[in-house]
Amino acid sequence: MLVSAKEMLNKARDGKYAVGQFNINNLEWTKAILLTAEECKSPVILGVSEGAGKYMCGYSTIVGMVKGMIENLHITVPVALHLDHGTFEGAKACINAGFSSIMFDGSHYPIEENIAKTTALVNTCDILGISLEAEVGSIGGEEDGVVGMGECADPKECKMVADLGVTMLAAGIGNIHGKYPANWPGLSFDTLAAIKAEVGDMPLVLHGGTGIPDDMIKKAISLGVAKINVNTECQLVFQEATRKYIEEGKDLQGKGFDPRKLLAPGTEAIKAKVKEKMELFGSVGKA
């Protein structure tokens, strides 16, 4: 059964740890993350971008796969299925398909339009028991064609959006998607503290978790971040393990070309990476 992210994030905020959102791209990804969450007894959020949604044949396909895996792999930990950086139309489609959590990213609109569109989703999500994430201030890097430079959010605008009744708030604090450039100045903890002062108990979300140093992650959690998104890092270790398998010629040995064998090292690499992140975020044993 899928659950809203609300309870797991409120618990994380109170317990000073964070729940990882790990984006899924296919069956192997989903299976690796769910098995690791169960092994670590950690709550988990499966993130789906609109691009990945199209790639995996639509949102209802994903809901069917995830629900089937939870049942057949005997997953007992809380699992939220979450739309990542959703458009307004994408949010509606995921609600209809059976997602248990939605992110509406209106950060590229003027604040008034972001508020109007977020407000329209708050009531629906509230009635259906779906958690809702909103964003203020764009997260840098590229995500589904939207390129941002890692702007810092305006704490007053954060309060305006938090007051609408969303479950969690993603606020730009200098973080970016993808690999961090060598000259990246780091997270702006002053901005984070100012946002926290404005929004109070609202669980905060850190996007672009790949490549942020561990000490910065821990400091962000201490300042109210309860959800951290990881995507690129899993892609990189999957790619490295797959490359190694092929470069060592293992795909040419026996039935090494079988996709179940070919994709196994990458899948194991994702499991190891997810476990490492759950330990860092402090969510192990919290399910």
C-alpha atoms as a PDB file:
ATOM      1  CA  MET A   1       0.000   0.000   0.000  1.00  0.00           C
ATOM      2  CA  LEU A   2       1.225   3.475  -0.836  1.00  0.00           C
ATOM      3  CA  VAL A   3       1.113   6.158   1.854  1.00  0.00           C
ATOM      4  CA  SER A   4       1.270   9.928   1.908  1.00  0.00           C
ATOM      5  CA  ALA A   5       4.673  11.365   2.816  1.00  0.00           C
ATOM      6  CA  LYS A   6       3.109  13.577   5.501  1.00  0.00           C
ATOM      7  CA  GLU A   7       3.502  11.320   8.536  1.00  0.00           C
ATOM      8  CA  MET A   8       6.997  10.102   7.632  1.00  0.00           C
ATOM      9  CA  LEU A   9       8.218  13.680   7.131  1.00  0.00           C
ATOM     10  CA  ASN A  10       6.658  15.009  10.324  1.00  0.00           C
ATOM     11  CA  LYS A  11       8.360  12.169  12.214  1.00  0.00           C
ATOM     12  CA  ALA A  12      11.654  12.929  10.463  1.00  0.00           C
ATOM     13  CA  ARG A  13      11.403  16.635  11.298  1.00  0.00           C
ATOM     14  CA  ASP A  14      10.738  15.872  14.977  1.00  0.00           C
ATOM     15  CA  GLY A  15      13.441  13.191  15.103  1.00  0.00           C
ATOM     16  CA  LYS A  16      16.054  15.347  13.332  1.00  0.00           C
ATOM     17  CA  TYR A  17      16.651  12.961  10.440  1.00  0.00           C
ATOM     18  CA  ALA A  18      15.613  13.028   6.787  1.00  0.00           C
ATOM     19  CA  VAL A  19      13.755  10.647   4.484  1.00  0.00           C
ATOM     20  CA  GLY A  20      15.378  10.065   1.113  1.00  0.00           C
ATOM     21  CA  GLN A  21      13.502  10.542  -2.133  1.00  0.00           C
ATOM     22  CA  PHE A  22      15.148   8.283  -4.683  1.00  0.00           C
ATOM     23  CA  ASN A  23      14.043   8.797  -8.271  1.00  0.00           C
ATOM     24  CA  ILE A  24      13.076   5.710 -10.235  1.00  0.00           C
ATOM     25  CA  ASN A  25      13.765   5.127 -13.921  1.00  0.00           C
ATOM     26  CA  ASN A  26      12.780   1.502 -14.531  1.00  0.00           C
ATOM     27  CA  LEU A  27      11.992  -1.830 -12.859  1.00  0.00           C
ATOM     28  CA  GLU A  28      15.560  -2.416 -11.615  1.00  0.00           C
ATOM     29  CA  TRP A  29      15.693   1.014  -9.991  1.00  0.00           C
ATOM     30  CA  THR A  30      12.374   0.538  -8.224  1.00  0.00           C
ATOM     31  CA  LYS A  31      13.185  -2.967  -7.007  1.00  0.00           C
ATOM     32  CA  ALA A  32      16.637  -1.924  -5.734  1.00  0.00           C
ATOM     33  CA  ILE A  33      15.272   1.018  -3.743  1.00  0.00           C
ATOM     34  CA  LEU A  34      12.332  -0.891  -2.238  1.00  0.00           C
ATOM     35  CA  LEU A  35      14.494  -3.871  -1.191  1.00  0.00           C
ATOM     36  CA  THR A  36      17.060  -1.548   0.405  1.00  0.00           C
ATOM     37  CA  ALA A  37      14.379   0.407   2.275  1.00  0.00           C
ATOM     38  CA  GLU A  38      13.009  -2.867   3.656  1.00  0.00           C
ATOM     39  CA  GLU A  39      16.485  -4.112   4.593  1.00  0.00           C
ATOM     40  CA  CYS A  40      17.269  -0.790   6.337  1.00  0.00           C
ATOM     41  CA  LYS A  41      13.781  -0.556   7.895  1.00  0.00           C
ATOM     42  CA  SER A  42      13.622   2.963   6.514  1.00  0.00           C
ATOM     43  CA  PRO A  43      10.653   4.909   5.172  1.00  0.00           C
ATOM     44  CA  VAL A  44      11.212   5.830   1.520  1.00  0.00           C
ATOM     45  CA  ILE A  45       9.875   8.139  -1.177  1.00  0.00           C
ATOM     46  CA  LEU A  46      10.017   6.991  -4.804  1.00  0.00           C
ATOM     47  CA  GLY A  47      10.361  10.039  -7.049  1.00  0.00           C
ATOM     48  CA  VAL A  48       9.081  10.123 -10.633  1.00  0.00           C
ATOM     49  CA  SER A  49       9.857  13.030 -12.938  1.00  0.00           C
ATOM     50  CA  GLU A  50       7.458  13.722 -15.799  1.00  0.00           C
ATOM     51  CA  GLY A  51      10.173  12.609 -18.228  1.00  0.00           C
ATOM     52  CA  ALA A  52      10.633   9.307 -16.391  1.00  0.00           C
ATOM     53  CA  GLY A  53       6.839   8.974 -16.293  1.00  0.00           C
ATOM     54  CA  LYS A  54       6.676   9.102 -20.078  1.00  0.00           C
ATOM     55  CA  TYR A  55       9.644   6.727 -20.377  1.00  0.00           C
ATOM     56  CA  MET A  56       7.960   4.152 -18.129  1.00  0.00           C
ATOM     57  CA  CYS A  57       4.762   4.219 -20.243  1.00  0.00           C
ATOM     58  CA  GLY A  58       2.680   6.542 -18.111  1.00  0.00           C
ATOM     59  CA  TYR A  59       1.711   7.038 -14.485  1.00  0.00           C
ATOM     60  CA  SER A  60      -0.784   4.179 -14.231  1.00  0.00           C
ATOM     61  CA  THR A  61       1.944   1.747 -15.402  1.00  0.00           C
ATOM     62  CA  ILE A  62       4.203   3.013 -12.613  1.00  0.00           C
ATOM     63  CA  VAL A  63       1.485   2.779  -9.960  1.00  0.00           C
ATOM     64  CA  GLY A  64       0.780  -0.818 -11.010  1.00  0.00           C
ATOM     65  CA  MET A  65       4.463  -1.768 -10.917  1.00  0.00           C
ATOM     66  CA  VAL A  66       5.140  -0.164  -7.537  1.00  0.00           C
ATOM     67  CA  LYS A  67       2.003  -1.574  -5.874  1.00  0.00           C
ATOM     68  CA  GLY A  68       2.778  -5.017  -7.300  1.00  0.00           C
ATOM     69  CA  MET A  69       6.338  -4.912  -5.992  1.00  0.00           C
ATOM     70  CA  ILE A  70       5.274  -3.778  -2.521  1.00  0.00           C
ATOM     71  CA  GLU A  71       2.961  -6.789  -2.355  1.00  0.00           C
ATOM     72  CA  ASN A  72       5.201  -9.411  -3.981  1.00  0.00           C
ATOM     73  CA  LEU A  73       8.459  -8.332  -2.297  1.00  0.00           C
ATOM     74  CA  HIS A  74       6.633  -8.157   1.074  1.00  0.00           C
ATOM     75  CA  ILE A  75       7.642  -4.537   1.674  1.00  0.00           C
ATOM     76  CA  THR A  76       6.436  -3.458   5.129  1.00  0.00           C
ATOM     77  CA  VAL A  77       8.080  -0.014   5.422  1.00  0.00           C
ATOM     78  CA  PRO A  78       6.129   3.145   4.494  1.00  0.00           C
ATOM     79  CA  VAL A  79       6.449   3.929   0.755  1.00  0.00           C
ATOM     80  CA  ALA A  80       5.272   7.157  -0.861  1.00  0.00           C
ATOM     81  CA  LEU A  81       5.075   7.420  -4.658  1.00  0.00           C
ATOM     82  CA  HIS A  82       5.844  11.039  -5.493  1.00  0.00           C
ATOM     83  CA  LEU A  83       5.689  13.160  -8.642  1.00  0.00           C
ATOM     84  CA  ASP A  84       8.929  15.158  -8.866  1.00  0.00           C
ATOM     85  CA  HIS A  85       8.852  18.713 -10.305  1.00  0.00           C
ATOM     86  CA  GLY A  86       5.349  18.289 -11.638  1.00  0.00           C
ATOM     87  CA  THR A  87       3.501  20.701 -13.863  1.00  0.00           C
ATOM     88  CA  PHE A  88      -0.073  21.573 -12.951  1.00  0.00           C
ATOM     89  CA  GLU A  89      -1.367  19.117 -15.590  1.00  0.00           C
ATOM     90  CA  GLY A  90       1.126  16.454 -14.501  1.00  0.00           C
ATOM     91  CA  ALA A  91       0.012  16.822 -10.889  1.00  0.00           C
ATOM     92  CA  LYS A  92      -3.616  16.244 -11.874  1.00  0.00           C
ATOM     93  CA  ALA A  93      -2.646  13.195 -13.977  1.00  0.00           C
ATOM     94  CA  CYS A  94      -0.694  11.629 -11.093  1.00  0.00           C
ATOM     95  CA  ILE A  95      -3.530  12.256  -8.630  1.00  0.00           C
ATOM     96  CA  ASN A  96      -5.871  10.435 -11.022  1.00  0.00           C
ATOM     97  CA  ALA A  97      -3.392   7.577 -11.540  1.00  0.00           C
ATOM     98  CA  GLY A  98      -3.074   6.865  -7.802  1.00  0.00           C
ATOM     99  CA  PHE A  99       0.169   8.540  -6.708  1.00  0.00           C
ATOM    100  CA  SER A 100       0.277   9.141  -2.945  1.00  0.00           C
ATOM    101  CA  SER A 101       2.355  12.322  -3.064  1.00  0.00           C
ATOM    102  CA  ILE A 102       2.707  15.197  -5.520  1.00  0.00           C
ATOM    103  CA  MET A 103       5.168  17.973  -6.122  1.00  0.00           C
ATOM    104  CA  PHE A 104       3.849  20.958  -7.996  1.00  0.00           C
ATOM    105  CA  ASP A 105       6.758  23.103  -9.144  1.00  0.00           C
ATOM    106  CA  GLY A 106       5.458  26.598  -9.770  1.00  0.00           C
ATOM    107  CA  SER A 107       8.808  28.219  -8.972  1.00  0.00           C
ATOM    108  CA  HIS A 108       9.262  29.527 -12.533  1.00  0.00           C
ATOM    109  CA  TYR A 109       5.928  31.408 -12.394  1.00  0.00           C
ATOM    110  CA  PRO A 110       5.500  34.828 -10.770  1.00  0.00           C
ATOM    111  CA  ILE A 111       4.805  34.230  -7.036  1.00  0.00           C
ATOM    112  CA  GLU A 112       1.098  35.164  -7.437  1.00  0.00           C
ATOM    113  CA  GLU A 113       0.594  32.477 -10.098  1.00  0.00           C
ATOM    114  CA  ASN A 114       2.599  29.926  -8.103  1.00  0.00           C
ATOM    115  CA  ILE A 115       0.287  30.628  -5.137  1.00  0.00           C
ATOM    116  CA  ALA A 116      -2.904  30.415  -7.233  1.00  0.00           C
ATOM    117  CA  LYS A 117      -1.963  27.073  -8.824  1.00  0.00           C
ATOM    118  CA  THR A 118      -0.658  25.605  -5.540  1.00  0.00           C
ATOM    119  CA  THR A 119      -3.875  26.667  -3.779  1.00  0.00           C
ATOM    120  CA  ALA A 120      -5.950  24.808  -6.371  1.00  0.00           C
ATOM    121  CA  LEU A 121      -4.065  21.595  -5.563  1.00  0.00           C
ATOM    122  CA  VAL A 122      -4.020  21.976  -1.754  1.00  0.00           C
ATOM    123  CA  ASN A 123      -7.729  21.243  -1.278  1.00  0.00           C
ATOM    124  CA  THR A 124      -7.767  18.264  -3.652  1.00  0.00           C
ATOM    125  CA  CYS A 125      -4.699  16.685  -2.058  1.00  0.00           C
ATOM    126  CA  ASP A 126      -6.080  17.359   1.410  1.00  0.00           C
ATOM    127  CA  ILE A 127      -9.382  15.601   0.660  1.00  0.00           C
ATOM    128  CA  LEU A 128      -7.626  12.611  -0.949  1.00  0.00           C
ATOM    129  CA  GLY A 129      -4.953  12.310   1.758  1.00  0.00           C
ATOM    130  CA  ILE A 130      -2.111  12.977  -0.689  1.00  0.00           C
ATOM    131  CA  SER A 131       0.958  14.918   0.444  1.00  0.00           C
ATOM    132  CA  LEU A 132       1.833  18.032  -1.536  1.00  0.00           C
ATOM    133  CA  GLU A 133       5.249  19.601  -2.048  1.00  0.00           C
ATOM    134  CA  ALA A 134       5.620  23.147  -3.362  1.00  0.00           C
ATOM    135  CA  GLU A 135       8.742  24.968  -4.536  1.00  0.00           C
ATOM    136  CA  VAL A 136       9.947  28.539  -4.106  1.00  0.00           C
ATOM    137  CA  GLY A 137      13.121  29.787  -5.793  1.00  0.00           C
ATOM    138  CA  SER A 138      14.425  27.624  -8.622  1.00  0.00           C
ATOM    139  CA  ILE A 139      16.818  24.767  -7.950  1.00  0.00           C
ATOM    140  CA  GLY A 140      19.840  25.095 -10.211  1.00  0.00           C
ATOM    141  CA  GLY A 141      20.885  22.753 -12.996  1.00  0.00           C
ATOM    142  CA  GLU A 142      18.629  21.149 -15.560  1.00  0.00           C
ATOM    143  CA  GLU A 143      15.534  19.096 -14.745  1.00  0.00           C
ATOM    144  CA  ASP A 144      13.180  18.194 -17.591  1.00  0.00           C
ATOM    145  CA  GLY A 145      14.269  21.178 -19.666  1.00  0.00           C
ATOM    146  CA  VAL A 146      14.018  23.750 -16.873  1.00  0.00           C
ATOM    147  CA  VAL A 147      17.439  25.284 -16.263  1.00  0.00           C
ATOM    148  CA  GLY A 148      17.992  27.240 -13.059  1.00  0.00           C
ATOM    149  CA  MET A 149      21.110  28.750 -11.562  1.00  0.00           C
ATOM    150  CA  GLY A 150      20.640  27.737  -7.939  1.00  0.00           C
ATOM    151  CA  GLU A 151      18.895  30.870  -6.747  1.00  0.00           C
ATOM    152  CA  CYS A 152      18.133  31.358  -3.079  1.00  0.00           C
ATOM    153  CA  ALA A 153      14.459  31.558  -2.213  1.00  0.00           C
ATOM    154  CA  ASP A 154      12.917  34.623  -0.588  1.00  0.00           C
ATOM    155  CA  PRO A 155      11.959  33.592   2.980  1.00  0.00           C
ATOM    156  CA  LYS A 156       8.832  35.814   2.862  1.00  0.00           C
ATOM    157  CA  GLU A 157       7.655  34.081  -0.337  1.00  0.00           C
ATOM    158  CA  CYS A 158       8.343  30.734   1.359  1.00  0.00           C
ATOM    159  CA  LYS A 159       6.005  31.740   4.182  1.00  0.00           C
ATOM    160  CA  MET A 160       3.293  32.752   1.704  1.00  0.00           C
ATOM    161  CA  VAL A 161       3.404  29.321   0.045  1.00  0.00           C
ATOM    162  CA  ALA A 162       3.790  27.380   3.330  1.00  0.00           C
ATOM    163  CA  ASP A 163       0.709  29.152   4.706  1.00  0.00           C
ATOM    164  CA  LEU A 164      -1.401  27.688   1.875  1.00  0.00           C
ATOM    165  CA  GLY A 165      -1.365  24.362   3.710  1.00  0.00           C
ATOM    166  CA  VAL A 166       1.152  22.346   1.685  1.00  0.00           C
ATOM    167  CA  THR A 167       2.818  19.357   3.377  1.00  0.00           C
ATOM    168  CA  MET A 168       6.428  20.270   2.610  1.00  0.00           C
ATOM    169  CA  LEU A 169       8.388  23.028   0.982  1.00  0.00           C
ATOM    170  CA  ALA A 170      11.330  22.874  -1.420  1.00  0.00           C
ATOM    171  CA  ALA A 171      13.265  26.113  -1.212  1.00  0.00           C
ATOM    172  CA  GLY A 172      16.332  26.986  -3.243  1.00  0.00           C
ATOM    173  CA  ILE A 173      19.363  27.508  -0.988  1.00  0.00           C
ATOM    174  CA  GLY A 174      22.058  27.404  -3.675  1.00  0.00           C
ATOM    175  CA  ASN A 175      21.537  23.696  -4.417  1.00  0.00           C
ATOM    176  CA  ILE A 176      21.505  22.376  -7.990  1.00  0.00           C
ATOM    177  CA  HIS A 177      20.474  19.239  -9.862  1.00  0.00           C
ATOM    178  CA  GLY A 178      23.144  17.032 -11.401  1.00  0.00           C
ATOM    179  CA  LYS A 179      26.883  17.276 -10.759  1.00  0.00           C
ATOM    180  CA  TYR A 180      28.097  20.322  -8.832  1.00  0.00           C
ATOM    181  CA  PRO A 181      30.626  22.572 -10.606  1.00  0.00           C
ATOM    182  CA  ALA A 182      34.078  23.004  -9.083  1.00  0.00           C
ATOM    183  CA  ASN A 183      33.348  26.653  -8.198  1.00  0.00           C
ATOM    184  CA  TRP A 184      30.060  25.922  -6.384  1.00  0.00           C
ATOM    185  CA  PRO A 185      29.954  28.147  -3.274  1.00  0.00           C
ATOM    186  CA  GLY A 186      28.016  25.638  -1.141  1.00  0.00           C
ATOM    187  CA  LEU A 187      24.619  25.744   0.520  1.00  0.00           C
ATOM    188  CA  SER A 188      23.411  29.027   1.974  1.00  0.00           C
ATOM    189  CA  PHE A 189      22.654  28.096   5.582  1.00  0.00           C
ATOM    190  CA  ASP A 190      21.740  31.699   6.365  1.00  0.00           C
ATOM    191  CA  THR A 191      18.923  31.437   3.810  1.00  0.00           C
ATOM    192  CA  LEU A 192      17.863  28.059   5.220  1.00  0.00           C
ATOM    193  CA  ALA A 193      17.748  29.410   8.791  1.00  0.00           C
ATOM    194  CA  ALA A 194      15.766  32.474   7.637  1.00  0.00           C
ATOM    195  CA  ILE A 195      13.277  30.226   5.771  1.00  0.00           C
ATOM    196  CA  LYS A 196      12.921  27.975   8.824  1.00  0.00           C
ATOM    197  CA  ALA A 197      12.232  31.032  10.999  1.00  0.00           C
ATOM    198  CA  GLU A 198       9.400  32.048   8.635  1.00  0.00           C
ATOM    199  CA  VAL A 199       7.770  28.643   8.023  1.00  0.00           C
ATOM    200  CA  GLY A 200       8.085  27.146  11.521  1.00  0.00           C
ATOM    201  CA  ASP A 201       7.179  23.454  11.608  1.00  0.00           C
ATOM    202  CA  MET A 202       6.952  22.933   7.842  1.00  0.00           C
ATOM    203  CA  PRO A 203       9.234  20.044   6.750  1.00  0.00           C
ATOM    204  CA  LEU A 204      11.764  21.395   4.252  1.00  0.00           C
ATOM    205  CA  VAL A 205      13.037  19.592   1.159  1.00  0.00           C
ATOM    206  CA  LEU A 206      16.570  19.646  -0.247  1.00  0.00           C
ATOM    207  CA  HIS A 207      16.760  18.969  -3.982  1.00  0.00           C
ATOM    208  CA  GLY A 208      19.971  18.116  -5.792  1.00  0.00           C
ATOM    209  CA  GLY A 209      21.333  15.872  -3.039  1.00  0.00           C
ATOM    210  CA  THR A 210      24.040  14.422  -5.305  1.00  0.00           C
ATOM    211  CA  GLY A 211      27.450  15.851  -4.544  1.00  0.00           C
ATOM    212  CA  ILE A 212      26.593  17.949  -1.492  1.00  0.00           C
ATOM    213  CA  PRO A 213      29.262  17.157   1.136  1.00  0.00           C
ATOM    214  CA  ASP A 214      28.063  14.970   4.027  1.00  0.00           C
ATOM    215  CA  ASP A 215      28.702  17.631   6.670  1.00  0.00           C
ATOM    216  CA  MET A 216      26.496  20.087   4.752  1.00  0.00           C
ATOM    217  CA  ILE A 217      23.750  17.449   4.487  1.00  0.00           C
ATOM    218  CA  LYS A 218      23.885  16.884   8.252  1.00  0.00           C
ATOM    219  CA  LYS A 219      23.801  20.608   8.968  1.00  0.00           C
ATOM    220  CA  ALA A 220      20.808  21.052   6.627  1.00  0.00           C
ATOM    221  CA  ILE A 221      18.953  18.277   8.493  1.00  0.00           C
ATOM    222  CA  SER A 222      19.692  19.990  11.818  1.00  0.00           C
ATOM    223  CA  LEU A 223      18.136  23.171  10.391  1.00  0.00           C
ATOM    224  CA  GLY A 224      14.819  21.572   9.434  1.00  0.00           C
ATOM    225  CA  VAL A 225      15.381  19.631   6.190  1.00  0.00           C
ATOM    226  CA  ALA A 226      13.308  16.430   6.449  1.00  0.00           C
ATOM    227  CA  LYS A 227      13.423  15.188   2.829  1.00  0.00           C
ATOM    228  CA  ILE A 228      16.453  14.919   0.557  1.00  0.00           C
ATOM    229  CA  ASN A 229      16.246  14.067  -3.138  1.00  0.00           C
ATOM    230  CA  VAL A 230      18.806  11.766  -4.763  1.00  0.00           C
ATOM    231  CA  ASN A 231      18.840  10.895  -8.455  1.00  0.00           C
ATOM    232  CA  THR A 232      22.083  11.581 -10.337  1.00  0.00           C
ATOM    233  CA  GLU A 233      24.217   9.645  -7.840  1.00  0.00           C
ATOM    234  CA  CYS A 234      22.249   6.436  -8.427  1.00  0.00           C
ATOM    235  CA  GLN A 235      22.511   6.942 -12.186  1.00  0.00           C
ATOM    236  CA  LEU A 236      26.280   7.367 -11.957  1.00  0.00           C
ATOM    237  CA  VAL A 237      26.907   4.204  -9.901  1.00  0.00           C
ATOM    238  CA  PHE A 238      24.545   2.213 -12.160  1.00  0.00           C
ATOM    239  CA  GLN A 239      26.465   3.410 -15.200  1.00  0.00           C
ATOM    240  CA  GLU A 240      29.865   2.653 -13.615  1.00  0.00           C
ATOM    241  CA  ALA A 241      28.903  -0.894 -12.618  1.00  0.00           C
ATOM    242  CA  THR A 242      27.361  -1.626 -16.030  1.00  0.00           C
ATOM    243  CA  ARG A 243      30.414  -0.253 -17.847  1.00  0.00           C
ATOM    244  CA  LYS A 244      32.733  -2.404 -15.696  1.00  0.00           C
ATOM    245  CA  TYR A 245      30.688  -5.552 -16.427  1.00  0.00           C
ATOM    246  CA  ILE A 246      30.902  -4.965 -20.181  1.00  0.00           C
ATOM    247  CA  GLU A 247      34.526  -3.806 -20.219  1.00  0.00           C
ATOM    248  CA  GLU A 248      35.494  -7.009 -18.370  1.00  0.00           C
ATOM    249  CA  GLY A 249      33.764  -8.941 -21.144  1.00  0.00           C
ATOM    250  CA  LYS A 250      31.282 -10.599 -18.788  1.00  0.00           C
ATOM    251  CA  ASP A 251      28.448  -9.997 -21.250  1.00  0.00           C
ATOM    252  CA  LEU A 252      30.298 -12.314 -23.674  1.00  0.00           C
ATOM    253  CA  GLN A 253      30.693 -15.179 -21.190  1.00  0.00           C
ATOM    254  CA  GLY A 254      27.997 -17.856 -21.157  1.00  0.00           C
ATOM    255  CA  LYS A 255      24.597 -16.236 -20.767  1.00  0.00           C
ATOM    256  CA  GLY A 256      26.159 -12.948 -19.658  1.00  0.00           C
ATOM    257  CA  PHE A 257      24.143 -11.115 -22.308  1.00  0.00           C
ATOM    258  CA  ASP A 258      20.893 -11.969 -20.479  1.00  0.00           C
ATOM    259  CA  PRO A 259      19.498  -8.591 -19.357  1.00  0.00           C
ATOM    260  CA  ARG A 260      18.887 -10.026 -15.884  1.00  0.00           C
ATOM    261  CA  LYS A 261      22.635 -10.687 -15.611  1.00  0.00           C
ATOM    262  CA  LEU A 262      23.693  -7.576 -17.523  1.00  0.00           C
ATOM    263  CA  LEU A 263      21.708  -5.216 -15.276  1.00  0.00           C
ATOM    264  CA  ALA A 264      22.454  -7.018 -11.983  1.00  0.00           C
ATOM    265  CA  PRO A 265      25.738  -5.224 -11.094  1.00  0.00           C
ATOM    266  CA  GLY A 266      24.129  -1.826 -11.683  1.00  0.00           C
ATOM    267  CA  THR A 267      21.153  -2.811  -9.572  1.00  0.00           C
ATOM    268  CA  GLU A 268      23.436  -3.894  -6.716  1.00  0.00           C
ATOM    269  CA  ALA A 269      25.323  -0.597  -7.025  1.00  0.00           C
ATOM    270  CA  ILE A 270      22.070   1.338  -6.611  1.00  0.00           C
ATOM    271  CA  LYS A 271      21.245  -0.712  -3.497  1.00  0.00           C
ATOM    272  CA  ALA A 272      24.637   0.093  -1.961  1.00  0.00           C
ATOM    273  CA  LYS A 273      24.265   3.798  -2.761  1.00  0.00           C
ATOM    274  CA  VAL A 274      20.719   3.998  -1.349  1.00  0.00           C
ATOM    275  CA  LYS A 275      21.831   2.252   1.848  1.00  0.00           C
ATOM    276  CA  GLU A 276      24.745   4.687   2.203  1.00  0.00           C
ATOM    277  CA  LYS A 277      22.350   7.645   1.813  1.00  0.00           C
ATOM    278  CA  MET A 278      19.792   6.237   4.281  1.00  0.00           C
ATOM    279  CA  GLU A 279      22.584   5.867   6.845  1.00  0.00           C
ATOM    280  CA  LEU A 280      23.760   9.437   6.187  1.00  0.00           C
ATOM    281  CA  PHE A 281      20.207  10.844   6.406  1.00  0.00           C
ATOM    282  CA  GLY A 282      19.566   8.967   9.684  1.00  0.00           C
ATOM    283  CA  SER A 283      16.422   7.166   8.473  1.00  0.00           C
ATOM    284  CA  VAL A 284      17.649   3.605   9.104  1.00  0.00           C
ATOM    285  CA  GLY A 285      15.425   1.801  11.615  1.00  0.00           C
ATOM    286  CA  LYS A 286      12.848   4.614  11.594  1.00  0.00           C
ATOM    287  CA  ALA A 287      10.099   2.749   9.685  1.00  0.00           C
END
